[in-house]
Amino acid sequence: MWRHRQREQFARAVDAHPEPGDEAFADELAVVALLREAAVTSGPDEAARARMRERVLGPATPPTKLDSRRPRSGARGRLAVALAAALCLVFSLAGMSLLLSRDALPGDALYGVKRTAESASLGLTFGEDSKGHKLLEFASARLTELETLADRYSGDGPLGGYLTALADFDTDAAAGARVLTAFGSTSDHRTLEDLRDWAGSQATRLTRLSPDLPQDAVTRSASSLDLLAHIAERATALQSRTTCATTTSGDTDDLGPLPAEDECNPLRPTTAPADTTATTAQPPSTSTQPPTNAPLTTTGDNPGTPAPTTTADAPTSRQPTTAPTTTPGGPVLPLPTLPLPSLPLPGLGG
C-alpha cells in the first residue's frame, strides 16, 4: 500500500510539472525534465516530418474536375455485380415460370406465359407445312385443356376458363387451316387430306365433351363445331380440284384460298407414252449387184460391160471370205469387202 501510494504521488508530481528544485522526488523529476527537453530539441523538426510524410504517402495533388466527375472504380464494379445479379434473377424467374406454365389451364395466372411460349416456338418453326401443323397442335392442346377442366370441376368450373379455351381453339384452328390449305393447293396435295382428317377427329372429341361442359360453354362450342365443318368442307373441295388445271379461284377468306368453280379441265400429261411396237423386218433385196472389188472385163460388142465371173476361178487371196452377220429378227446378209487404196506419202517412194 505504501509503494502504491508513493507511485501515485510521483505520477501527480509529473503531471503537475514541478520545478527541479522541489525536495519530494527531486532526482526523479530532474530526469523527467531532461527527457522532455530532449524530446523537443533532438526530434525532427516540422520540415523533416513533412518530407518523410511525402516520401511515404506520395505527393498530395488536388483532384481535377474530370476526376471528380468520373465515377470511382469501386462504385462501377459494385454496379456491374448488381446488374449481373439482377439479370440472373430475371432469367431464373423466367425459366421457372415457363416450367410451371406447362400445366397451366385457361383462367390460371400462368396461362398467359404458356401462350407466349407457344408463340415463341411458332416463330422458331420454319416451313409453311410445319407452321400449319404446329398451329393444329396448339388447337388440339386447347381441347385437352377443356377435358382437364371438365374432369376437375365436373361442369361447375369457372365459365371464363371454358370460353377462353374455346376462343383460343378457334383462333389456332383457323390459322392452321389457312396455312395448310394454301400449302396443300399449291405444293403437297396430301396436306389437304391430313387437314380434313384432323377436323373430323377434333369434331368428334368436342361433340363427346359437350355433355360435361356448362350450358353457356355448350352454346359457345356450337360455333367451334361449325368452324371444324367448314375446314373439312374446304379441304375436301380443294382436294377434288387437284386433278384440274385450276385448283383455286384466286380469292381467299379466313380459311385460306377458295376452290375454283369453273369446269374441271384435266391436266395435260407431261410425257408421251413410249412406243412398244416392234419394227417389222424388211425382206432381203433380190437384185444382184456385182461385188465392188471384182475386176471388169470387156467384151467385143459392148466394151466396159462387166462379164460374169465365177467364184471358183477367182483367187482366194483377192476374194476374202466374209462371215455372215446375224441381226435379231432379220435375214442373214453378207458384208461386202471394200478395196483399200494406196496413198503415196511425201518424201517416200511408192
Protein backbone atom coordinates (compact mmCIF):
# COMPACT_ATOMS: atom_id res chain seq x y z
CA MET A 1 0.00 0.00 0.00
CA TRP A 2 2.85 2.40 0.85
CA ARG A 3 4.55 1.72 -2.52
CA HIS A 4 1.28 2.15 -4.35
CA ARG A 5 0.66 5.44 -2.58
CA GLN A 6 4.22 6.55 -3.42
CA ARG A 7 3.73 5.81 -7.14
CA GLU A 8 0.53 7.79 -7.20
CA GLN A 9 2.27 10.78 -5.59
CA PHE A 10 5.05 10.58 -8.20
CA ALA A 11 2.51 10.45 -11.05
CA ARG A 12 0.74 13.52 -9.70
CA ALA A 13 4.05 15.31 -9.35
CA VAL A 14 4.95 14.52 -13.00
CA ASP A 15 1.59 15.69 -14.27
CA ALA A 16 1.83 18.92 -12.25
CA HIS A 17 5.20 19.83 -13.93
CA PRO A 18 7.05 20.72 -10.66
CA GLU A 19 10.30 22.58 -10.64
CA PRO A 20 13.52 20.56 -10.41
CA GLY A 21 14.37 22.12 -7.03
CA ASP A 22 11.46 20.51 -5.12
CA GLU A 23 12.50 18.25 -2.26
CA ALA A 24 9.93 15.50 -2.95
CA PHE A 25 11.10 13.28 -5.83
CA ALA A 26 13.78 15.80 -6.78
CA ASP A 27 16.02 13.32 -8.60
CA GLU A 28 13.22 11.58 -10.44
CA LEU A 29 11.67 14.86 -11.53
CA ALA A 30 15.02 16.06 -12.81
CA VAL A 31 15.26 13.01 -15.09
CA VAL A 32 11.73 13.65 -16.38
CA ALA A 33 12.61 17.26 -17.18
CA LEU A 34 15.70 16.16 -19.11
CA LEU A 35 13.69 13.63 -21.14
CA ARG A 36 11.10 16.26 -22.04
CA GLU A 37 13.77 18.66 -23.15
CA ALA A 38 15.47 16.01 -25.26
CA ALA A 39 12.20 15.16 -26.99
CA VAL A 40 11.81 18.78 -28.06
CA THR A 41 15.39 19.51 -29.09
CA SER A 42 16.62 16.20 -30.54
CA GLY A 43 13.48 15.17 -32.55
CA PRO A 44 12.87 16.04 -36.27
CA ASP A 45 11.52 19.47 -36.97
CA GLU A 46 8.32 20.19 -38.86
CA ALA A 47 10.03 20.37 -42.27
CA ALA A 48 11.65 16.96 -41.79
CA ARG A 49 8.33 15.48 -40.79
CA ALA A 50 6.70 16.89 -43.94
CA ARG A 51 9.41 15.38 -46.14
CA MET A 52 9.02 11.97 -44.50
CA ARG A 53 5.25 12.13 -44.89
CA GLU A 54 5.57 13.00 -48.59
CA ARG A 55 8.05 10.19 -49.18
CA VAL A 56 5.79 7.62 -47.55
CA LEU A 57 2.36 8.74 -48.78
CA GLY A 58 3.33 10.38 -52.09
CA PRO A 59 2.58 13.90 -53.24
CA ALA A 60 -0.87 15.12 -52.35
CA THR A 61 -2.47 16.51 -55.55
CA PRO A 62 -5.94 18.00 -55.52
CA PRO A 63 -8.50 16.16 -57.72
CA THR A 64 -9.31 17.79 -61.06
CA LYS A 65 -12.78 18.45 -62.40
CA LEU A 66 -12.57 15.44 -64.74
CA ASP A 67 -11.63 13.17 -61.86
CA SER A 68 -14.47 14.49 -59.72
CA ARG A 69 -16.98 13.73 -62.49
CA ARG A 70 -15.66 10.24 -63.25
CA PRO A 71 -17.16 7.52 -61.01
CA ARG A 72 -14.78 5.55 -58.93
CA SER A 73 -13.78 2.05 -59.98
CA GLY A 74 -15.20 0.55 -56.83
CA ALA A 75 -18.66 2.01 -57.48
CA ARG A 76 -18.54 0.83 -61.09
CA GLY A 77 -17.67 -2.70 -60.03
CA ARG A 78 -20.48 -2.82 -57.49
CA LEU A 79 -22.93 -1.60 -60.13
CA ALA A 80 -21.82 -4.32 -62.58
CA VAL A 81 -22.22 -7.00 -59.94
CA ALA A 82 -25.69 -5.72 -59.08
CA LEU A 83 -26.75 -5.74 -62.75
CA ALA A 84 -25.43 -9.28 -63.27
CA ALA A 85 -27.28 -10.47 -60.20
CA ALA A 86 -30.49 -8.83 -61.42
CA LEU A 87 -30.17 -10.49 -64.85
CA CYS A 88 -29.58 -13.88 -63.27
CA LEU A 89 -32.64 -13.37 -61.10
CA VAL A 90 -34.78 -12.41 -64.10
CA PHE A 91 -33.61 -15.40 -66.13
CA SER A 92 -34.19 -17.81 -63.28
CA LEU A 93 -37.68 -16.45 -62.68
CA ALA A 94 -38.48 -16.67 -66.39
CA GLY A 95 -37.26 -20.26 -66.55
CA MET A 96 -39.30 -21.23 -63.50
CA SER A 97 -42.36 -19.51 -64.95
CA LEU A 98 -42.03 -21.38 -68.24
CA LEU A 99 -41.58 -24.66 -66.42
CA LEU A 100 -44.60 -24.12 -64.19
CA SER A 101 -46.79 -22.82 -67.03
CA ARG A 102 -46.65 -26.08 -68.97
CA ASP A 103 -49.59 -27.43 -66.96
CA ALA A 104 -51.44 -24.10 -66.71
CA LEU A 105 -55.13 -24.10 -67.66
CA PRO A 106 -57.27 -21.27 -69.07
CA GLY A 107 -58.04 -18.92 -66.20
CA ASP A 108 -54.79 -19.62 -64.30
CA ALA A 109 -52.23 -16.89 -63.65
CA LEU A 110 -49.55 -18.57 -65.78
CA TYR A 111 -51.78 -19.31 -68.77
CA GLY A 112 -50.63 -16.11 -70.48
CA VAL A 113 -47.00 -17.20 -70.07
CA LYS A 114 -47.88 -20.53 -71.68
CA ARG A 115 -49.45 -18.82 -74.69
CA THR A 116 -46.41 -16.55 -75.03
CA ALA A 117 -44.10 -19.56 -75.04
CA GLU A 118 -46.23 -21.16 -77.78
CA SER A 119 -45.95 -18.02 -79.91
CA ALA A 120 -42.18 -18.05 -79.45
CA SER A 121 -41.94 -21.70 -80.52
CA LEU A 122 -44.07 -20.93 -83.58
CA GLY A 123 -41.66 -18.15 -84.53
CA LEU A 124 -38.78 -20.64 -84.39
CA THR A 125 -40.59 -23.10 -86.71
CA PHE A 126 -39.53 -22.98 -90.38
CA GLY A 127 -41.59 -24.13 -93.36
CA GLU A 128 -45.25 -23.42 -94.11
CA ASP A 129 -46.37 -27.01 -93.60
CA SER A 130 -44.51 -27.22 -90.26
CA LYS A 131 -46.10 -23.98 -89.06
CA GLY A 132 -49.56 -25.18 -90.06
CA HIS A 133 -49.20 -28.47 -88.21
CA LYS A 134 -47.81 -26.61 -85.18
CA LEU A 135 -50.95 -24.43 -85.07
CA LEU A 136 -53.11 -27.53 -85.25
CA GLU A 137 -51.18 -28.96 -82.30
CA PHE A 138 -51.95 -25.81 -80.30
CA ALA A 139 -55.65 -26.16 -81.17
CA SER A 140 -55.63 -29.79 -80.05
CA ALA A 141 -54.00 -28.70 -76.78
CA ARG A 142 -56.95 -26.36 -76.16
CA LEU A 143 -59.36 -29.30 -76.34
CA THR A 144 -57.12 -31.21 -73.96
CA GLU A 145 -57.35 -28.29 -71.52
CA LEU A 146 -61.13 -28.34 -71.85
CA GLU A 147 -61.14 -32.03 -70.97
CA THR A 148 -58.98 -31.33 -67.92
CA LEU A 149 -61.31 -28.54 -66.78
CA ALA A 150 -64.32 -30.80 -67.21
CA ASP A 151 -62.67 -33.59 -65.17
CA ARG A 152 -61.56 -31.20 -62.42
CA TYR A 153 -64.77 -29.23 -61.92
CA SER A 154 -67.36 -31.69 -63.30
CA GLY A 155 -69.09 -28.98 -65.32
CA ASP A 156 -69.24 -26.44 -62.48
CA GLY A 157 -65.89 -24.72 -63.02
CA PRO A 158 -65.26 -21.08 -63.89
CA LEU A 159 -67.06 -20.21 -67.10
CA GLY A 160 -64.29 -17.82 -68.19
CA GLY A 161 -61.78 -20.68 -68.48
CA TYR A 162 -64.05 -22.68 -70.81
CA LEU A 163 -64.79 -19.68 -73.00
CA THR A 164 -61.10 -18.73 -73.21
CA ALA A 165 -60.15 -22.25 -74.28
CA LEU A 166 -62.83 -22.32 -76.99
CA ALA A 167 -61.84 -18.87 -78.31
CA ASP A 168 -58.16 -19.87 -78.48
CA PHE A 169 -59.14 -23.14 -80.17
CA ASP A 170 -60.98 -21.27 -82.93
CA THR A 171 -58.03 -18.89 -83.41
CA ASP A 172 -55.42 -21.66 -83.72
CA ALA A 173 -57.62 -23.91 -85.89
CA ALA A 174 -58.45 -21.13 -88.36
CA ALA A 175 -54.81 -20.02 -88.58
CA GLY A 176 -53.59 -23.59 -89.14
CA ALA A 177 -56.25 -24.25 -91.79
CA ARG A 178 -55.35 -21.01 -93.58
CA VAL A 179 -51.70 -22.05 -93.83
CA LEU A 180 -52.29 -25.68 -94.79
CA THR A 181 -54.95 -25.02 -97.44
CA ALA A 182 -52.59 -22.59 -99.18
CA PHE A 183 -49.72 -25.08 -98.97
CA GLY A 184 -51.82 -28.09 -99.99
CA SER A 185 -53.40 -26.44 -103.03
CA THR A 186 -50.02 -25.41 -104.47
CA SER A 187 -47.37 -27.85 -103.23
CA ASP A 188 -48.36 -31.06 -101.44
CA HIS A 189 -51.94 -32.23 -102.01
CA ARG A 190 -51.68 -34.82 -99.22
CA THR A 191 -51.75 -31.95 -96.71
CA LEU A 192 -55.42 -31.35 -97.59
CA GLU A 193 -56.27 -34.92 -96.68
CA ASP A 194 -54.47 -34.58 -93.34
CA LEU A 195 -56.35 -31.34 -92.61
CA ARG A 196 -59.70 -32.98 -93.38
CA ASP A 197 -58.95 -35.94 -91.11
CA TRP A 198 -57.82 -33.64 -88.30
CA ALA A 199 -61.02 -31.58 -88.49
CA GLY A 200 -63.13 -34.73 -88.30
CA SER A 201 -61.27 -36.11 -85.27
CA GLN A 202 -61.45 -32.81 -83.36
CA ALA A 203 -65.18 -32.50 -84.09
CA THR A 204 -65.66 -35.97 -82.62
CA ARG A 205 -63.73 -35.00 -79.47
CA LEU A 206 -65.66 -31.79 -78.95
CA THR A 207 -69.02 -33.49 -79.51
CA ARG A 208 -68.15 -36.16 -76.93
CA LEU A 209 -67.03 -33.45 -74.47
CA SER A 210 -70.14 -31.25 -74.76
CA PRO A 211 -72.28 -33.03 -72.08
CA ASP A 212 -69.60 -32.32 -69.43
CA LEU A 213 -69.43 -28.56 -70.13
CA PRO A 214 -71.55 -25.77 -68.61
CA GLN A 215 -74.59 -24.76 -70.61
CA ASP A 216 -73.06 -21.49 -71.79
CA ALA A 217 -69.91 -23.32 -72.89
CA VAL A 218 -72.03 -25.85 -74.81
CA THR A 219 -73.73 -23.00 -76.65
CA ARG A 220 -70.34 -21.49 -77.44
CA SER A 221 -68.94 -24.83 -78.65
CA ALA A 222 -71.54 -24.91 -81.46
CA SER A 223 -69.57 -22.21 -83.33
CA SER A 224 -66.39 -24.26 -82.94
CA LEU A 225 -68.12 -27.29 -84.44
CA ASP A 226 -69.31 -25.16 -87.37
CA LEU A 227 -65.73 -23.98 -87.89
CA LEU A 228 -64.46 -27.57 -87.99
CA ALA A 229 -67.17 -28.49 -90.51
CA HIS A 230 -66.16 -25.57 -92.76
CA ILE A 231 -62.49 -26.61 -92.53
CA ALA A 232 -63.29 -30.18 -93.56
CA GLU A 233 -65.52 -28.94 -96.39
CA ARG A 234 -62.83 -26.57 -97.68
CA ALA A 235 -60.15 -29.25 -97.61
CA THR A 236 -62.42 -31.70 -99.47
CA ALA A 237 -63.33 -29.13 -102.14
CA LEU A 238 -59.70 -28.21 -102.77
CA GLN A 239 -58.66 -31.85 -102.86
CA SER A 240 -61.28 -32.61 -105.52
CA ARG A 241 -59.75 -29.88 -107.71
CA THR A 242 -56.16 -31.14 -107.52
CA THR A 243 -56.58 -33.06 -110.82
CA CYS A 244 -57.92 -29.99 -112.61
CA ALA A 245 -55.97 -27.34 -114.44
CA THR A 246 -57.15 -24.68 -111.95
CA THR A 247 -57.40 -25.54 -108.25
CA THR A 248 -58.21 -22.19 -106.64
CA SER A 249 -60.23 -19.21 -107.79
CA GLY A 250 -57.64 -16.68 -106.66
CA ASP A 251 -59.74 -15.36 -103.75
CA THR A 252 -59.14 -16.08 -100.05
CA ASP A 253 -61.06 -15.86 -96.77
CA ASP A 254 -60.43 -16.74 -93.13
CA LEU A 255 -59.77 -20.40 -94.03
CA GLY A 256 -57.41 -19.75 -96.94
CA PRO A 257 -57.86 -19.94 -100.73
CA LEU A 258 -61.30 -20.61 -102.22
CA PRO A 259 -61.69 -23.52 -104.67
CA ALA A 260 -62.33 -22.74 -108.33
CA GLU A 261 -65.89 -23.02 -109.61
CA ASP A 262 -65.30 -23.32 -113.35
CA GLU A 263 -65.38 -26.55 -115.33
CA CYS A 264 -62.68 -29.00 -114.34
CA ASN A 265 -60.28 -29.39 -117.24
CA PRO A 266 -57.90 -32.28 -116.60
CA LEU A 267 -54.21 -31.63 -116.55
CA ARG A 268 -52.27 -32.49 -119.72
CA PRO A 269 -49.81 -35.36 -119.46
CA THR A 270 -46.28 -34.11 -119.33
CA THR A 271 -44.70 -37.13 -121.10
CA ALA A 272 -45.89 -39.16 -124.15
CA PRO A 273 -46.28 -42.95 -123.78
CA ALA A 274 -43.39 -44.96 -125.12
CA ASP A 275 -43.88 -46.83 -128.44
CA THR A 276 -43.70 -50.54 -127.68
CA THR A 277 -44.45 -51.83 -131.21
CA ALA A 278 -41.67 -53.86 -132.74
CA THR A 279 -40.25 -52.91 -136.13
CA THR A 280 -41.01 -55.31 -138.95
CA ALA A 281 -38.14 -56.95 -140.73
CA GLN A 282 -37.58 -55.87 -144.33
CA PRO A 283 -37.33 -58.65 -146.91
CA PRO A 284 -33.91 -59.12 -148.43
CA SER A 285 -33.24 -57.47 -151.77
CA THR A 286 -33.38 -59.78 -154.81
CA SER A 287 -31.29 -57.61 -157.12
CA THR A 288 -27.88 -59.00 -157.87
CA GLN A 289 -25.06 -56.48 -157.82
CA PRO A 290 -21.51 -57.36 -158.70
CA PRO A 291 -19.02 -57.02 -155.90
CA THR A 292 -17.23 -53.72 -155.89
CA ASN A 293 -13.84 -55.35 -155.82
CA ALA A 294 -14.48 -57.64 -158.82
CA PRO A 295 -12.35 -56.88 -161.94
CA LEU A 296 -14.09 -55.50 -165.00
CA THR A 297 -13.76 -57.46 -168.30
CA THR A 298 -14.80 -56.05 -171.61
CA THR A 299 -16.49 -57.85 -174.46
CA GLY A 300 -16.30 -57.15 -178.09
CA ASP A 301 -19.81 -55.92 -178.61
CA ASN A 302 -20.17 -53.73 -175.54
CA PRO A 303 -16.92 -52.60 -174.01
CA GLY A 304 -16.98 -51.67 -170.33
CA THR A 305 -19.71 -54.21 -169.50
CA PRO A 306 -18.65 -56.47 -166.64
CA ALA A 307 -18.54 -60.11 -167.60
CA PRO A 308 -19.93 -62.67 -165.23
CA THR A 309 -17.29 -64.45 -163.27
CA THR A 310 -17.44 -67.46 -161.04
CA THR A 311 -16.12 -67.60 -157.55
CA ALA A 312 -14.37 -70.87 -158.26
CA ASP A 313 -11.91 -69.27 -160.76
CA ALA A 314 -11.19 -66.24 -158.58
CA PRO A 315 -8.17 -66.45 -156.35
CA THR A 316 -8.88 -66.80 -152.67
CA SER A 317 -6.49 -64.01 -151.74
CA ARG A 318 -8.47 -61.45 -153.70
CA GLN A 319 -11.89 -62.71 -152.69
CA PRO A 320 -11.72 -62.98 -148.89
CA THR A 321 -14.49 -64.85 -147.24
CA THR A 322 -16.69 -62.60 -145.05
CA ALA A 323 -18.54 -64.01 -142.09
CA PRO A 324 -22.33 -63.53 -142.29
CA THR A 325 -23.86 -61.08 -139.86
CA THR A 326 -26.96 -62.13 -137.97
CA THR A 327 -29.46 -59.47 -136.87
CA PRO A 328 -32.29 -60.24 -134.46
CA GLY A 329 -35.49 -60.78 -136.38
CA GLY A 330 -33.88 -60.19 -139.84
CA PRO A 331 -32.19 -62.18 -142.65
CA VAL A 332 -28.54 -63.07 -142.84
CA LEU A 333 -26.77 -60.55 -145.12
CA PRO A 334 -23.13 -60.80 -146.30
CA LEU A 335 -20.91 -57.78 -145.77
CA PRO A 336 -19.06 -56.58 -148.90
CA THR A 337 -15.32 -56.12 -148.88
CA LEU A 338 -14.15 -52.61 -149.76
CA PRO A 339 -10.78 -52.03 -151.52
CA LEU A 340 -8.14 -50.08 -149.63
CA PRO A 341 -6.37 -47.53 -151.89
CA SER A 342 -2.64 -46.91 -151.61
CA LEU A 343 -1.78 -43.28 -150.89
CA PRO A 344 1.78 -42.01 -151.65
CA LEU A 345 3.44 -40.29 -148.73
CA PRO A 346 5.63 -37.21 -149.42
CA GLY A 347 9.35 -37.86 -149.26
CA LEU A 348 8.96 -41.64 -149.65
CA GLY A 349 8.79 -43.92 -152.63
CA GLY A 350 5.75 -45.62 -153.94
